[in-house]
Amino acid sequence: MPVTYNIDHKRRLVSSRLWGAVSDNEIHEHNNKLRNDPHFDPSYRQIVDLTGITEVKVSTGTITETSLDQFFNPGTRRAMVATSDATFGLARMYALRAEGLGQTIEVFRDWPPAEEWLGI
């Protein structure tokens, strides 16, 4: 599966990474695993590495559905790093839709600004 995550309790940070050809099923599977992980804390910040995605097989329907199904606490800072235009655009679409539920998600093109914004 080209999607993984790591929970760092010391830094209060969830790091997710997506690479290769990513599909709807993999997005749903990642979210379900993370949401049900007994070590997951919805108040932790998150950084999502989208830089390794080579093919986007995620539908706009899944973007909408997952943006409305939030399991991080409202106001918790979450950053996404995307270098390709297609991935950046989909990440921005997700972030904008999730904002309506009180989510605080920013999408960046480079790592340093994302890490600075998260305070890591």
PDB file of N, CA and C in Angstrom:
ATOM      1  N   MET A   1       0.846  -1.188   0.000  1.00  0.00           N
ATOM      2  CA  MET A   1       0.000   0.000   0.000  1.00  0.00           C
ATOM      3  C   MET A   1       0.882   1.240   0.000  1.00  0.00           C
ATOM      4  N   PRO A   2       0.673   2.176  -0.916  1.00  0.00           N
ATOM      5  CA  PRO A   2       1.522   3.357  -0.975  1.00  0.00           C
ATOM      6  C   PRO A   2       1.094   4.478  -0.012  1.00  0.00           C
ATOM      7  N   VAL A   3       0.608   4.106   1.169  1.00  0.00           N
ATOM      8  CA  VAL A   3       0.229   5.085   2.180  1.00  0.00           C
ATOM      9  C   VAL A   3       0.616   4.525   3.545  1.00  0.00           C
ATOM     10  N   THR A   4       1.365   5.302   4.323  1.00  0.00           N
ATOM     11  CA  THR A   4       1.734   4.898   5.679  1.00  0.00           C
ATOM     12  C   THR A   4       1.603   6.095   6.607  1.00  0.00           C
ATOM     13  N   TYR A   5       1.667   5.818   7.912  1.00  0.00           N
ATOM     14  CA  TYR A   5       1.687   6.905   8.890  1.00  0.00           C
ATOM     15  C   TYR A   5       2.523   6.479  10.081  1.00  0.00           C
ATOM     16  N   ASN A   6       2.970   7.478  10.835  1.00  0.00           N
ATOM     17  CA  ASN A   6       3.727   7.259  12.064  1.00  0.00           C
ATOM     18  C   ASN A   6       3.195   8.239  13.105  1.00  0.00           C
ATOM     19  N   ILE A   7       3.026   7.754  14.329  1.00  0.00           N
ATOM     20  CA  ILE A   7       2.563   8.609  15.428  1.00  0.00           C
ATOM     21  C   ILE A   7       3.741   8.833  16.370  1.00  0.00           C
ATOM     22  N   ASP A   8       4.146  10.090  16.506  1.00  0.00           N
ATOM     23  CA  ASP A   8       5.268  10.477  17.356  1.00  0.00           C
ATOM     24  C   ASP A   8       4.704  11.164  18.599  1.00  0.00           C
ATOM     25  N   HIS A   9       4.657  10.425  19.716  1.00  0.00           N
ATOM     26  CA  HIS A   9       4.054  10.965  20.934  1.00  0.00           C
ATOM     27  C   HIS A   9       4.886  12.089  21.540  1.00  0.00           C
ATOM     28  N   LYS A  10       6.204  12.010  21.428  1.00  0.00           N
ATOM     29  CA  LYS A  10       7.065  13.070  21.970  1.00  0.00           C
ATOM     30  C   LYS A  10       6.782  14.413  21.311  1.00  0.00           C
ATOM     31  N   ARG A  11       6.634  14.387  20.004  1.00  0.00           N
ATOM     32  CA  ARG A  11       6.403  15.624  19.247  1.00  0.00           C
ATOM     33  C   ARG A  11       4.925  15.933  19.049  1.00  0.00           C
ATOM     34  N   ARG A  12       4.060  15.021  19.504  1.00  0.00           N
ATOM     35  CA  ARG A  12       2.612  15.175  19.331  1.00  0.00           C
ATOM     36  C   ARG A  12       2.301  15.424  17.851  1.00  0.00           C
ATOM     37  N   LEU A  13       2.793  14.465  17.022  1.00  0.00           N
ATOM     38  CA  LEU A  13       2.734  14.641  15.581  1.00  0.00           C
ATOM     39  C   LEU A  13       2.406  13.330  14.878  1.00  0.00           C
ATOM     40  N   VAL A  14       1.484  13.405  13.927  1.00  0.00           N
ATOM     41  CA  VAL A  14       1.193  12.292  13.031  1.00  0.00           C
ATOM     42  C   VAL A  14       1.836  12.638  11.688  1.00  0.00           C
ATOM     43  N   SER A  15       2.690  11.754  11.191  1.00  0.00           N
ATOM     44  CA  SER A  15       3.316  11.937   9.880  1.00  0.00           C
ATOM     45  C   SER A  15       2.750  10.894   8.940  1.00  0.00           C
ATOM     46  N   SER A  16       2.092  11.357   7.882  1.00  0.00           N
ATOM     47  CA  SER A  16       1.546  10.453   6.876  1.00  0.00           C
ATOM     48  C   SER A  16       2.327  10.642   5.588  1.00  0.00           C
ATOM     49  N   ARG A  17       2.475   9.557   4.840  1.00  0.00           N
ATOM     50  CA  ARG A  17       3.213   9.609   3.576  1.00  0.00           C
ATOM     51  C   ARG A  17       2.445   8.828   2.516  1.00  0.00           C
ATOM     52  N   LEU A  18       2.258   9.446   1.356  1.00  0.00           N
ATOM     53  CA  LEU A  18       1.607   8.797   0.221  1.00  0.00           C
ATOM     54  C   LEU A  18       2.572   8.841  -0.942  1.00  0.00           C
ATOM     55  N   TRP A  19       2.681   7.756  -1.708  1.00  0.00           N
ATOM     56  CA  TRP A  19       3.599   7.709  -2.840  1.00  0.00           C
ATOM     57  C   TRP A  19       3.056   6.775  -3.912  1.00  0.00           C
ATOM     58  N   GLY A  20       3.644   6.907  -5.089  1.00  0.00           N
ATOM     59  CA  GLY A  20       3.225   6.062  -6.206  1.00  0.00           C
ATOM     60  C   GLY A  20       1.851   6.456  -6.717  1.00  0.00           C
ATOM     61  N   ALA A  21       1.122   5.475  -7.201  1.00  0.00           N
ATOM     62  CA  ALA A  21      -0.243   5.675  -7.687  1.00  0.00           C
ATOM     63  C   ALA A  21      -1.198   5.473  -6.512  1.00  0.00           C
ATOM     64  N   VAL A  22      -1.855   6.535  -6.103  1.00  0.00           N
ATOM     65  CA  VAL A  22      -2.724   6.489  -4.916  1.00  0.00           C
ATOM     66  C   VAL A  22      -4.183   6.517  -5.367  1.00  0.00           C
ATOM     67  N   SER A  23      -4.982   5.573  -4.815  1.00  0.00           N
ATOM     68  CA  SER A  23      -6.387   5.434  -5.209  1.00  0.00           C
ATOM     69  C   SER A  23      -7.335   5.772  -4.057  1.00  0.00           C
ATOM     70  N   ASP A  24      -8.609   5.820  -4.387  1.00  0.00           N
ATOM     71  CA  ASP A  24      -9.658   6.059  -3.385  1.00  0.00           C
ATOM     72  C   ASP A  24      -9.562   5.064  -2.234  1.00  0.00           C
ATOM     73  N   ASN A  25      -9.429   3.773  -2.580  1.00  0.00           N
ATOM     74  CA  ASN A  25      -9.398   2.730  -1.544  1.00  0.00           C
ATOM     75  C   ASN A  25      -8.253   2.936  -0.568  1.00  0.00           C
ATOM     76  N   GLU A  26      -7.100   3.347  -1.065  1.00  0.00           N
ATOM     77  CA  GLU A  26      -5.941   3.544  -0.187  1.00  0.00           C
ATOM     78  C   GLU A  26      -6.143   4.733   0.742  1.00  0.00           C
ATOM     79  N   ILE A  27      -6.790   5.768   0.252  1.00  0.00           N
ATOM     80  CA  ILE A  27      -7.094   6.923   1.117  1.00  0.00           C
ATOM     81  C   ILE A  27      -8.033   6.486   2.236  1.00  0.00           C
ATOM     82  N   HIS A  28      -9.099   5.762   1.876  1.00  0.00           N
ATOM     83  CA  HIS A  28     -10.061   5.294   2.885  1.00  0.00           C
ATOM     84  C   HIS A  28      -9.393   4.354   3.882  1.00  0.00           C
ATOM     85  N   GLU A  29      -8.551   3.446   3.390  1.00  0.00           N
ATOM     86  CA  GLU A  29      -7.880   2.491   4.275  1.00  0.00           C
ATOM     87  C   GLU A  29      -6.952   3.212   5.255  1.00  0.00           C
ATOM     88  N   HIS A  30      -6.194   4.181   4.760  1.00  0.00           N
ATOM     89  CA  HIS A  30      -5.315   4.968   5.638  1.00  0.00           C
ATOM     90  C   HIS A  30      -6.117   5.657   6.734  1.00  0.00           C
ATOM     91  N   ASN A  31      -7.192   6.338   6.342  1.00  0.00           N
ATOM     92  CA  ASN A  31      -7.998   7.069   7.317  1.00  0.00           C
ATOM     93  C   ASN A  31      -8.624   6.134   8.351  1.00  0.00           C
ATOM     94  N   ASN A  32      -9.121   4.993   7.910  1.00  0.00           N
ATOM     95  CA  ASN A  32      -9.720   4.039   8.848  1.00  0.00           C
ATOM     96  C   ASN A  32      -8.688   3.476   9.822  1.00  0.00           C
ATOM     97  N   LYS A  33      -7.501   3.138   9.315  1.00  0.00           N
ATOM     98  CA  LYS A  33      -6.447   2.614  10.193  1.00  0.00           C
ATOM     99  C   LYS A  33      -6.023   3.649  11.215  1.00  0.00           C
ATOM    100  N   LEU A  34      -5.804   4.886  10.748  1.00  0.00           N
ATOM    101  CA  LEU A  34      -5.371   5.936  11.664  1.00  0.00           C
ATOM    102  C   LEU A  34      -6.443   6.240  12.698  1.00  0.00           C
ATOM    103  N   ARG A  35      -7.662   6.419  12.253  1.00  0.00           N
ATOM    104  CA  ARG A  35      -8.777   6.743  13.159  1.00  0.00           C
ATOM    105  C   ARG A  35      -8.942   5.676  14.248  1.00  0.00           C
ATOM    106  N   ASN A  36      -8.730   4.411  13.904  1.00  0.00           N
ATOM    107  CA  ASN A  36      -8.943   3.314  14.845  1.00  0.00           C
ATOM    108  C   ASN A  36      -7.679   2.861  15.563  1.00  0.00           C
ATOM    109  N   ASP A  37      -6.552   3.494  15.280  1.00  0.00           N
ATOM    110  CA  ASP A  37      -5.299   3.152  15.950  1.00  0.00           C
ATOM    111  C   ASP A  37      -5.402   3.581  17.415  1.00  0.00           C
ATOM    112  N   PRO A  38      -5.194   2.658  18.370  1.00  0.00           N
ATOM    113  CA  PRO A  38      -5.326   3.024  19.784  1.00  0.00           C
ATOM    114  C   PRO A  38      -4.299   4.074  20.232  1.00  0.00           C
ATOM    115  N   HIS A  39      -3.250   4.296  19.458  1.00  0.00           N
ATOM    116  CA  HIS A  39      -2.234   5.297  19.796  1.00  0.00           C
ATOM    117  C   HIS A  39      -2.544   6.668  19.198  1.00  0.00           C
ATOM    118  N   PHE A  40      -3.557   6.737  18.349  1.00  0.00           N
ATOM    119  CA  PHE A  40      -3.918   7.999  17.702  1.00  0.00           C
ATOM    120  C   PHE A  40      -4.545   8.954  18.707  1.00  0.00           C
ATOM    121  N   ASP A  41      -4.103  10.212  18.654  1.00  0.00           N
ATOM    122  CA  ASP A  41      -4.661  11.278  19.479  1.00  0.00           C
ATOM    123  C   ASP A  41      -5.136  12.376  18.529  1.00  0.00           C
ATOM    124  N   PRO A  42      -6.434  12.678  18.497  1.00  0.00           N
ATOM    125  CA  PRO A  42      -6.960  13.647  17.532  1.00  0.00           C
ATOM    126  C   PRO A  42      -6.495  15.080  17.776  1.00  0.00           C
ATOM    127  N   SER A  43      -5.777  15.324  18.872  1.00  0.00           N
ATOM    128  CA  SER A  43      -5.254  16.668  19.119  1.00  0.00           C
ATOM    129  C   SER A  43      -3.835  16.840  18.572  1.00  0.00           C
ATOM    130  N   TYR A  44      -3.229  15.767  18.074  1.00  0.00           N
ATOM    131  CA  TYR A  44      -1.874  15.843  17.525  1.00  0.00           C
ATOM    132  C   TYR A  44      -1.901  16.582  16.182  1.00  0.00           C
ATOM    133  N   ARG A  45      -0.833  17.317  15.918  1.00  0.00           N
ATOM    134  CA  ARG A  45      -0.660  17.942  14.608  1.00  0.00           C
ATOM    135  C   ARG A  45      -0.380  16.838  13.580  1.00  0.00           C
ATOM    136  N   GLN A  46      -0.530  17.190  12.312  1.00  0.00           N
ATOM    137  CA  GLN A  46      -0.250  16.213  11.255  1.00  0.00           C
ATOM    138  C   GLN A  46       0.522  16.879  10.128  1.00  0.00           C
ATOM    139  N   ILE A  47       1.480  16.127   9.583  1.00  0.00           N
ATOM    140  CA  ILE A  47       2.140  16.538   8.347  1.00  0.00           C
ATOM    141  C   ILE A  47       1.964  15.395   7.347  1.00  0.00           C
ATOM    142  N   VAL A  48       1.564  15.739   6.140  1.00  0.00           N
ATOM    143  CA  VAL A  48       1.276  14.747   5.109  1.00  0.00           C
ATOM    144  C   VAL A  48       2.217  14.984   3.930  1.00  0.00           C
ATOM    145  N   ASP A  49       3.011  13.969   3.627  1.00  0.00           N
ATOM    146  CA  ASP A  49       3.972  14.022   2.529  1.00  0.00           C
ATOM    147  C   ASP A  49       3.314  13.480   1.267  1.00  0.00           C
ATOM    148  N   LEU A  50       3.011  14.374   0.335  1.00  0.00           N
ATOM    149  CA  LEU A  50       2.395  14.000  -0.932  1.00  0.00           C
ATOM    150  C   LEU A  50       3.394  14.091  -2.085  1.00  0.00           C
ATOM    151  N   THR A  51       4.661  14.332  -1.768  1.00  0.00           N
ATOM    152  CA  THR A  51       5.669  14.596  -2.802  1.00  0.00           C
ATOM    153  C   THR A  51       6.013  13.385  -3.648  1.00  0.00           C
ATOM    154  N   GLY A  52       5.750  12.178  -3.153  1.00  0.00           N
ATOM    155  CA  GLY A  52       6.097  10.972  -3.893  1.00  0.00           C
ATOM    156  C   GLY A  52       4.979  10.413  -4.745  1.00  0.00           C
ATOM    157  N   ILE A  53       3.874  11.109  -4.839  1.00  0.00           N
ATOM    158  CA  ILE A  53       2.746  10.620  -5.648  1.00  0.00           C
ATOM    159  C   ILE A  53       3.094  10.777  -7.125  1.00  0.00           C
ATOM    160  N   THR A  54       2.993   9.679  -7.846  1.00  0.00           N
ATOM    161  CA  THR A  54       3.296   9.694  -9.281  1.00  0.00           C
ATOM    162  C   THR A  54       2.035   9.655 -10.136  1.00  0.00           C
ATOM    163  N   GLU A  55       0.937   9.172  -9.549  1.00  0.00           N
ATOM    164  CA  GLU A  55      -0.332   9.109 -10.277  1.00  0.00           C
ATOM    165  C   GLU A  55      -1.474   9.269  -9.280  1.00  0.00           C
ATOM    166  N   VAL A  56      -2.370  10.203  -9.596  1.00  0.00           N
ATOM    167  CA  VAL A  56      -3.511  10.462  -8.723  1.00  0.00           C
ATOM    168  C   VAL A  56      -4.717   9.716  -9.275  1.00  0.00           C
ATOM    169  N   LYS A  57      -5.159   8.702  -8.523  1.00  0.00           N
ATOM    170  CA  LYS A  57      -6.355   7.935  -8.902  1.00  0.00           C
ATOM    171  C   LYS A  57      -7.462   8.186  -7.888  1.00  0.00           C
ATOM    172  N   VAL A  58      -7.419   9.349  -7.260  1.00  0.00           N
ATOM    173  CA  VAL A  58      -8.391   9.716  -6.234  1.00  0.00           C
ATOM    174  C   VAL A  58      -9.447  10.597  -6.887  1.00  0.00           C
ATOM    175  N   SER A  59     -10.699  10.220  -6.714  1.00  0.00           N
ATOM    176  CA  SER A  59     -11.797  10.966  -7.323  1.00  0.00           C
ATOM    177  C   SER A  59     -12.145  12.206  -6.499  1.00  0.00           C
ATOM    178  N   THR A  60     -12.779  13.160  -7.154  1.00  0.00           N
ATOM    179  CA  THR A  60     -13.235  14.344  -6.423  1.00  0.00           C
ATOM    180  C   THR A  60     -14.306  13.958  -5.404  1.00  0.00           C
ATOM    181  N   GLY A  61     -15.045  12.881  -5.675  1.00  0.00           N
ATOM    182  CA  GLY A  61     -16.028  12.384  -4.711  1.00  0.00           C
ATOM    183  C   GLY A  61     -15.369  11.944  -3.411  1.00  0.00           C
ATOM    184  N   THR A  62     -14.231  11.275  -3.515  1.00  0.00           N
ATOM    185  CA  THR A  62     -13.502  10.856  -2.313  1.00  0.00           C
ATOM    186  C   THR A  62     -12.929  12.064  -1.591  1.00  0.00           C
ATOM    187  N   ILE A  63     -12.446  13.053  -2.340  1.00  0.00           N
ATOM    188  CA  ILE A  63     -11.942  14.279  -1.714  1.00  0.00           C
ATOM    189  C   ILE A  63     -13.063  14.921  -0.896  1.00  0.00           C
ATOM    190  N   THR A  64     -14.233  15.039  -1.480  1.00  0.00           N
ATOM    191  CA  THR A  64     -15.373  15.636  -0.779  1.00  0.00           C
ATOM    192  C   THR A  64     -15.767  14.799   0.429  1.00  0.00           C
ATOM    193  N   GLU A  65     -15.907  13.502   0.224  1.00  0.00           N
ATOM    194  CA  GLU A  65     -16.327  12.604   1.306  1.00  0.00           C
ATOM    195  C   GLU A  65     -15.357  12.644   2.485  1.00  0.00           C
ATOM    196  N   THR A  66     -14.065  12.537   2.213  1.00  0.00           N
ATOM    197  CA  THR A  66     -13.092  12.520   3.309  1.00  0.00           C
ATOM    198  C   THR A  66     -12.945  13.891   3.960  1.00  0.00           C
ATOM    199  N   SER A  67     -13.151  14.963   3.198  1.00  0.00           N
ATOM    200  CA  SER A  67     -13.056  16.294   3.800  1.00  0.00           C
ATOM    201  C   SER A  67     -14.198  16.535   4.784  1.00  0.00           C
ATOM    202  N   LEU A  68     -15.309  15.848   4.594  1.00  0.00           N
ATOM    203  CA  LEU A  68     -16.457  15.988   5.495  1.00  0.00           C
ATOM    204  C   LEU A  68     -16.424  14.980   6.645  1.00  0.00           C
ATOM    205  N   ASP A  69     -15.506  14.033   6.603  1.00  0.00           N
ATOM    206  CA  ASP A  69     -15.389  12.982   7.623  1.00  0.00           C
ATOM    207  C   ASP A  69     -14.094  13.199   8.410  1.00  0.00           C
ATOM    208  N   GLN A  70     -14.083  14.231   9.225  1.00  0.00           N
ATOM    209  CA  GLN A  70     -12.869  14.603   9.958  1.00  0.00           C
ATOM    210  C   GLN A  70     -12.792  13.891  11.302  1.00  0.00           C
ATOM    211  N   PHE A  71     -11.582  13.470  11.665  1.00  0.00           N
ATOM    212  CA  PHE A  71     -11.394  12.820  12.965  1.00  0.00           C
ATOM    213  C   PHE A  71     -10.277  13.470  13.772  1.00  0.00           C
ATOM    214  N   PHE A  72      -9.674  14.546  13.249  1.00  0.00           N
ATOM    215  CA  PHE A  72      -8.772  15.381  14.043  1.00  0.00           C
ATOM    216  C   PHE A  72      -9.631  16.461  14.706  1.00  0.00           C
ATOM    217  N   ASN A  73      -9.202  16.905  15.890  1.00  0.00           N
ATOM    218  CA  ASN A  73      -9.947  17.953  16.574  1.00  0.00           C
ATOM    219  C   ASN A  73      -9.954  19.236  15.746  1.00  0.00           C
ATOM    220  N   PRO A  74     -11.085  19.963  15.751  1.00  0.00           N
ATOM    221  CA  PRO A  74     -11.117  21.250  15.060  1.00  0.00           C
ATOM    222  C   PRO A  74     -10.011  22.159  15.610  1.00  0.00           C
ATOM    223  N   GLY A  75      -9.369  22.903  14.704  1.00  0.00           N
ATOM    224  CA  GLY A  75      -8.320  23.826  15.110  1.00  0.00           C
ATOM    225  C   GLY A  75      -6.930  23.217  15.182  1.00  0.00           C
ATOM    226  N   THR A  76      -6.833  21.889  15.112  1.00  0.00           N
ATOM    227  CA  THR A  76      -5.534  21.223  15.138  1.00  0.00           C
ATOM    228  C   THR A  76      -4.827  21.495  13.816  1.00  0.00           C
ATOM    229  N   ARG A  77      -3.588  21.972  13.895  1.00  0.00           N
ATOM    230  CA  ARG A  77      -2.849  22.301  12.673  1.00  0.00           C
ATOM    231  C   ARG A  77      -2.420  21.040  11.923  1.00  0.00           C
ATOM    232  N   ARG A  78      -2.701  21.076  10.623  1.00  0.00           N
ATOM    233  CA  ARG A  78      -2.315  19.978   9.735  1.00  0.00           C
ATOM    234  C   ARG A  78      -1.747  20.575   8.462  1.00  0.00           C
ATOM    235  N   ALA A  79      -0.598  20.067   8.038  1.00  0.00           N
ATOM    236  CA  ALA A  79       0.072  20.571   6.843  1.00  0.00           C
ATOM    237  C   ALA A  79       0.233  19.465   5.826  1.00  0.00           C
ATOM    238  N   MET A  80       0.087  19.825   4.556  1.00  0.00           N
ATOM    239  CA  MET A  80       0.313  18.897   3.458  1.00  0.00           C
ATOM    240  C   MET A  80       1.384  19.497   2.562  1.00  0.00           C
ATOM    241  N   VAL A  81       2.317  18.651   2.122  1.00  0.00           N
ATOM    242  CA  VAL A  81       3.382  19.107   1.229  1.00  0.00           C
ATOM    243  C   VAL A  81       3.201  18.389  -0.104  1.00  0.00           C
ATOM    244  N   ALA A  82       2.960  19.183  -1.149  1.00  0.00           N
ATOM    245  CA  ALA A  82       2.721  18.636  -2.487  1.00  0.00           C
ATOM    246  C   ALA A  82       3.525  19.438  -3.500  1.00  0.00           C
ATOM    247  N   THR A  83       4.261  18.752  -4.364  1.00  0.00           N
ATOM    248  CA  THR A  83       5.074  19.450  -5.346  1.00  0.00           C
ATOM    249  C   THR A  83       4.434  19.499  -6.730  1.00  0.00           C
ATOM    250  N   SER A  84       3.650  18.503  -7.099  1.00  0.00           N
ATOM    251  CA  SER A  84       3.020  18.522  -8.431  1.00  0.00           C
ATOM    252  C   SER A  84       1.759  19.377  -8.391  1.00  0.00           C
ATOM    253  N   ASP A  85       1.451  19.989  -9.522  1.00  0.00           N
ATOM    254  CA  ASP A  85       0.264  20.846  -9.602  1.00  0.00           C
ATOM    255  C   ASP A  85      -1.020  20.067  -9.321  1.00  0.00           C
ATOM    256  N   ALA A  86      -1.135  18.855  -9.873  1.00  0.00           N
ATOM    257  CA  ALA A  86      -2.354  18.059  -9.692  1.00  0.00           C
ATOM    258  C   ALA A  86      -2.563  17.697  -8.220  1.00  0.00           C
ATOM    259  N   THR A  87      -1.513  17.238  -7.587  1.00  0.00           N
ATOM    260  CA  THR A  87      -1.620  16.855  -6.174  1.00  0.00           C
ATOM    261  C   THR A  87      -1.877  18.079  -5.305  1.00  0.00           C
ATOM    262  N   PHE A  88      -1.190  19.169  -5.590  1.00  0.00           N
ATOM    263  CA  PHE A  88      -1.389  20.408  -4.843  1.00  0.00           C
ATOM    264  C   PHE A  88      -2.848  20.861  -4.959  1.00  0.00           C
ATOM    265  N   GLY A  89      -3.390  20.822  -6.175  1.00  0.00           N
ATOM    266  CA  GLY A  89      -4.772  21.240  -6.391  1.00  0.00           C
ATOM    267  C   GLY A  89      -5.776  20.397  -5.627  1.00  0.00           C
ATOM    268  N   LEU A  90      -5.605  19.091  -5.642  1.00  0.00           N
ATOM    269  CA  LEU A  90      -6.519  18.217  -4.897  1.00  0.00           C
ATOM    270  C   LEU A  90      -6.383  18.426  -3.395  1.00  0.00           C
ATOM    271  N   ALA A  91      -5.152  18.627  -2.922  1.00  0.00           N
ATOM    272  CA  ALA A  91      -4.944  18.878  -1.494  1.00  0.00           C
ATOM    273  C   ALA A  91      -5.602  20.186  -1.076  1.00  0.00           C
ATOM    274  N   ARG A  92      -5.513  21.222  -1.914  1.00  0.00           N
ATOM    275  CA  ARG A  92      -6.169  22.500  -1.614  1.00  0.00           C
ATOM    276  C   ARG A  92      -7.691  22.332  -1.592  1.00  0.00           C
ATOM    277  N   MET A  93      -8.223  21.553  -2.535  1.00  0.00           N
ATOM    278  CA  MET A  93      -9.663  21.298  -2.558  1.00  0.00           C
ATOM    279  C   MET A  93     -10.093  20.639  -1.241  1.00  0.00           C
ATOM    280  N   TYR A  94      -9.339  19.639  -0.807  1.00  0.00           N
ATOM    281  CA  TYR A  94      -9.623  18.946   0.454  1.00  0.00           C
ATOM    282  C   TYR A  94      -9.578  19.939   1.620  1.00  0.00           C
ATOM    283  N   ALA A  95      -8.522  20.733   1.687  1.00  0.00           N
ATOM    284  CA  ALA A  95      -8.341  21.668   2.797  1.00  0.00           C
ATOM    285  C   ALA A  95      -9.468  22.690   2.850  1.00  0.00           C
ATOM    286  N   LEU A  96      -9.836  23.232   1.710  1.00  0.00           N
ATOM    287  CA  LEU A  96     -10.900  24.243   1.684  1.00  0.00           C
ATOM    288  C   LEU A  96     -12.234  23.666   2.140  1.00  0.00           C
ATOM    289  N   ARG A  97     -12.542  22.459   1.718  1.00  0.00           N
ATOM    290  CA  ARG A  97     -13.808  21.835   2.123  1.00  0.00           C
ATOM    291  C   ARG A  97     -13.800  21.484   3.607  1.00  0.00           C
ATOM    292  N   ALA A  98     -12.652  21.073   4.129  1.00  0.00           N
ATOM    293  CA  ALA A  98     -12.548  20.694   5.545  1.00  0.00           C
ATOM    294  C   ALA A  98     -12.603  21.902   6.466  1.00  0.00           C
ATOM    295  N   GLU A  99     -12.233  23.076   5.951  1.00  0.00           N
ATOM    296  CA  GLU A  99     -12.278  24.288   6.770  1.00  0.00           C
ATOM    297  C   GLU A  99     -13.681  24.556   7.294  1.00  0.00           C
ATOM    298  N   GLY A 100     -14.688  24.171   6.529  1.00  0.00           N
ATOM    299  CA  GLY A 100     -16.069  24.372   6.950  1.00  0.00           C
ATOM    300  C   GLY A 100     -16.418  23.614   8.221  1.00  0.00           C
ATOM    301  N   LEU A 101     -15.619  22.607   8.563  1.00  0.00           N
ATOM    302  CA  LEU A 101     -15.831  21.825   9.782  1.00  0.00           C
ATOM    303  C   LEU A 101     -14.862  22.240  10.886  1.00  0.00           C
ATOM    304  N   GLY A 102     -14.211  23.386  10.698  1.00  0.00           N
ATOM    305  CA  GLY A 102     -13.291  23.887  11.713  1.00  0.00           C
ATOM    306  C   GLY A 102     -11.887  23.331  11.628  1.00  0.00           C
ATOM    307  N   GLN A 103     -11.565  22.645  10.531  1.00  0.00           N
ATOM    308  CA  GLN A 103     -10.228  22.095  10.365  1.00  0.00           C
ATOM    309  C   GLN A 103      -9.257  23.200   9.945  1.00  0.00           C
ATOM    310  N   THR A 104      -8.018  23.081  10.391  1.00  0.00           N
ATOM    311  CA  THR A 104      -6.973  24.048  10.065  1.00  0.00           C
ATOM    312  C   THR A 104      -5.907  23.312   9.261  1.00  0.00           C
ATOM    313  N   ILE A 105      -6.031  23.363   7.938  1.00  0.00           N
ATOM    314  CA  ILE A 105      -5.148  22.618   7.043  1.00  0.00           C
ATOM    315  C   ILE A 105      -4.553  23.595   6.033  1.00  0.00           C
ATOM    316  N   GLU A 106      -3.232  23.571   5.914  1.00  0.00           N
ATOM    317  CA  GLU A 106      -2.544  24.387   4.917  1.00  0.00           C
ATOM    318  C   GLU A 106      -1.785  23.454   3.980  1.00  0.00           C
ATOM    319  N   VAL A 107      -1.690  23.855   2.728  1.00  0.00           N
ATOM    320  CA  VAL A 107      -0.974  23.066   1.726  1.00  0.00           C
ATOM    321  C   VAL A 107       0.250  23.871   1.281  1.00  0.00           C
ATOM    322  N   PHE A 108       1.398  23.211   1.250  1.00  0.00           N
ATOM    323  CA  PHE A 108       2.664  23.860   0.941  1.00  0.00           C
ATOM    324  C   PHE A 108       3.340  23.155  -0.230  1.00  0.00           C
ATOM    325  N   ARG A 109       4.229  23.873  -0.899  1.00  0.00           N
ATOM    326  CA  ARG A 109       5.025  23.312  -1.994  1.00  0.00           C
ATOM    327  C   ARG A 109       6.373  22.796  -1.495  1.00  0.00           C
ATOM    328  N   ASP A 110       6.827  23.302  -0.331  1.00  0.00           N
ATOM    329  CA  ASP A 110       8.142  22.948   0.205  1.00  0.00           C
ATOM    330  C   ASP A 110       8.040  22.588   1.685  1.00  0.00           C
ATOM    331  N   TRP A 111       9.003  21.772   2.152  1.00  0.00           N
ATOM    332  CA  TRP A 111       9.014  21.304   3.534  1.00  0.00           C
ATOM    333  C   TRP A 111       9.250  22.397   4.576  1.00  0.00           C
ATOM    334  N   PRO A 112      10.276  23.262   4.402  1.00  0.00           N
ATOM    335  CA  PRO A 112      10.572  24.215   5.486  1.00  0.00           C
ATOM    336  C   PRO A 112       9.392  25.088   5.911  1.00  0.00           C
ATOM    337  N   PRO A 113       8.620  25.668   4.977  1.00  0.00           N
ATOM    338  CA  PRO A 113       7.480  26.463   5.447  1.00  0.00           C
ATOM    339  C   PRO A 113       6.411  25.625   6.156  1.00  0.00           C
ATOM    340  N   ALA A 114       6.212  24.391   5.708  1.00  0.00           N
ATOM    341  CA  ALA A 114       5.227  23.513   6.354  1.00  0.00           C
ATOM    342  C   ALA A 114       5.658  23.185   7.776  1.00  0.00           C
ATOM    343  N   GLU A 115       6.923  22.840   7.940  1.00  0.00           N
ATOM    344  CA  GLU A 115       7.432  22.501   9.274  1.00  0.00           C
ATOM    345  C   GLU A 115       7.417  23.718  10.186  1.00  0.00           C
ATOM    346  N   GLU A 116       7.752  24.884   9.642  1.00  0.00           N
ATOM    347  CA  GLU A 116       7.729  26.106  10.458  1.00  0.00           C
ATOM    348  C   GLU A 116       6.302  26.419  10.903  1.00  0.00           C
ATOM    349  N   TRP A 117       5.336  26.296   9.988  1.00  0.00           N
ATOM    350  CA  TRP A 117       3.939  26.574  10.308  1.00  0.00           C
ATOM    351  C   TRP A 117       3.429  25.622  11.401  1.00  0.00           C
ATOM    352  N   LEU A 118       3.900  24.370  11.373  1.00  0.00           N
ATOM    353  CA  LEU A 118       3.496  23.383  12.387  1.00  0.00           C
ATOM    354  C   LEU A 118       4.271  23.532  13.692  1.00  0.00           C
ATOM    355  N   GLY A 119       5.380  24.262  13.635  1.00  0.00           N
ATOM    356  CA  GLY A 119       6.196  24.418  14.833  1.00  0.00           C
ATOM    357  C   GLY A 119       7.066  23.209  15.131  1.00  0.00           C
ATOM    358  N   ILE A 120       7.526  22.542  14.063  1.00  0.00           N
ATOM    359  CA  ILE A 120       8.403  21.374  14.260  1.00  0.00           C
ATOM    360  C   ILE A 120       9.764  21.609  13.621  1.00  0.00           C
TER     361      ILE A 120
END
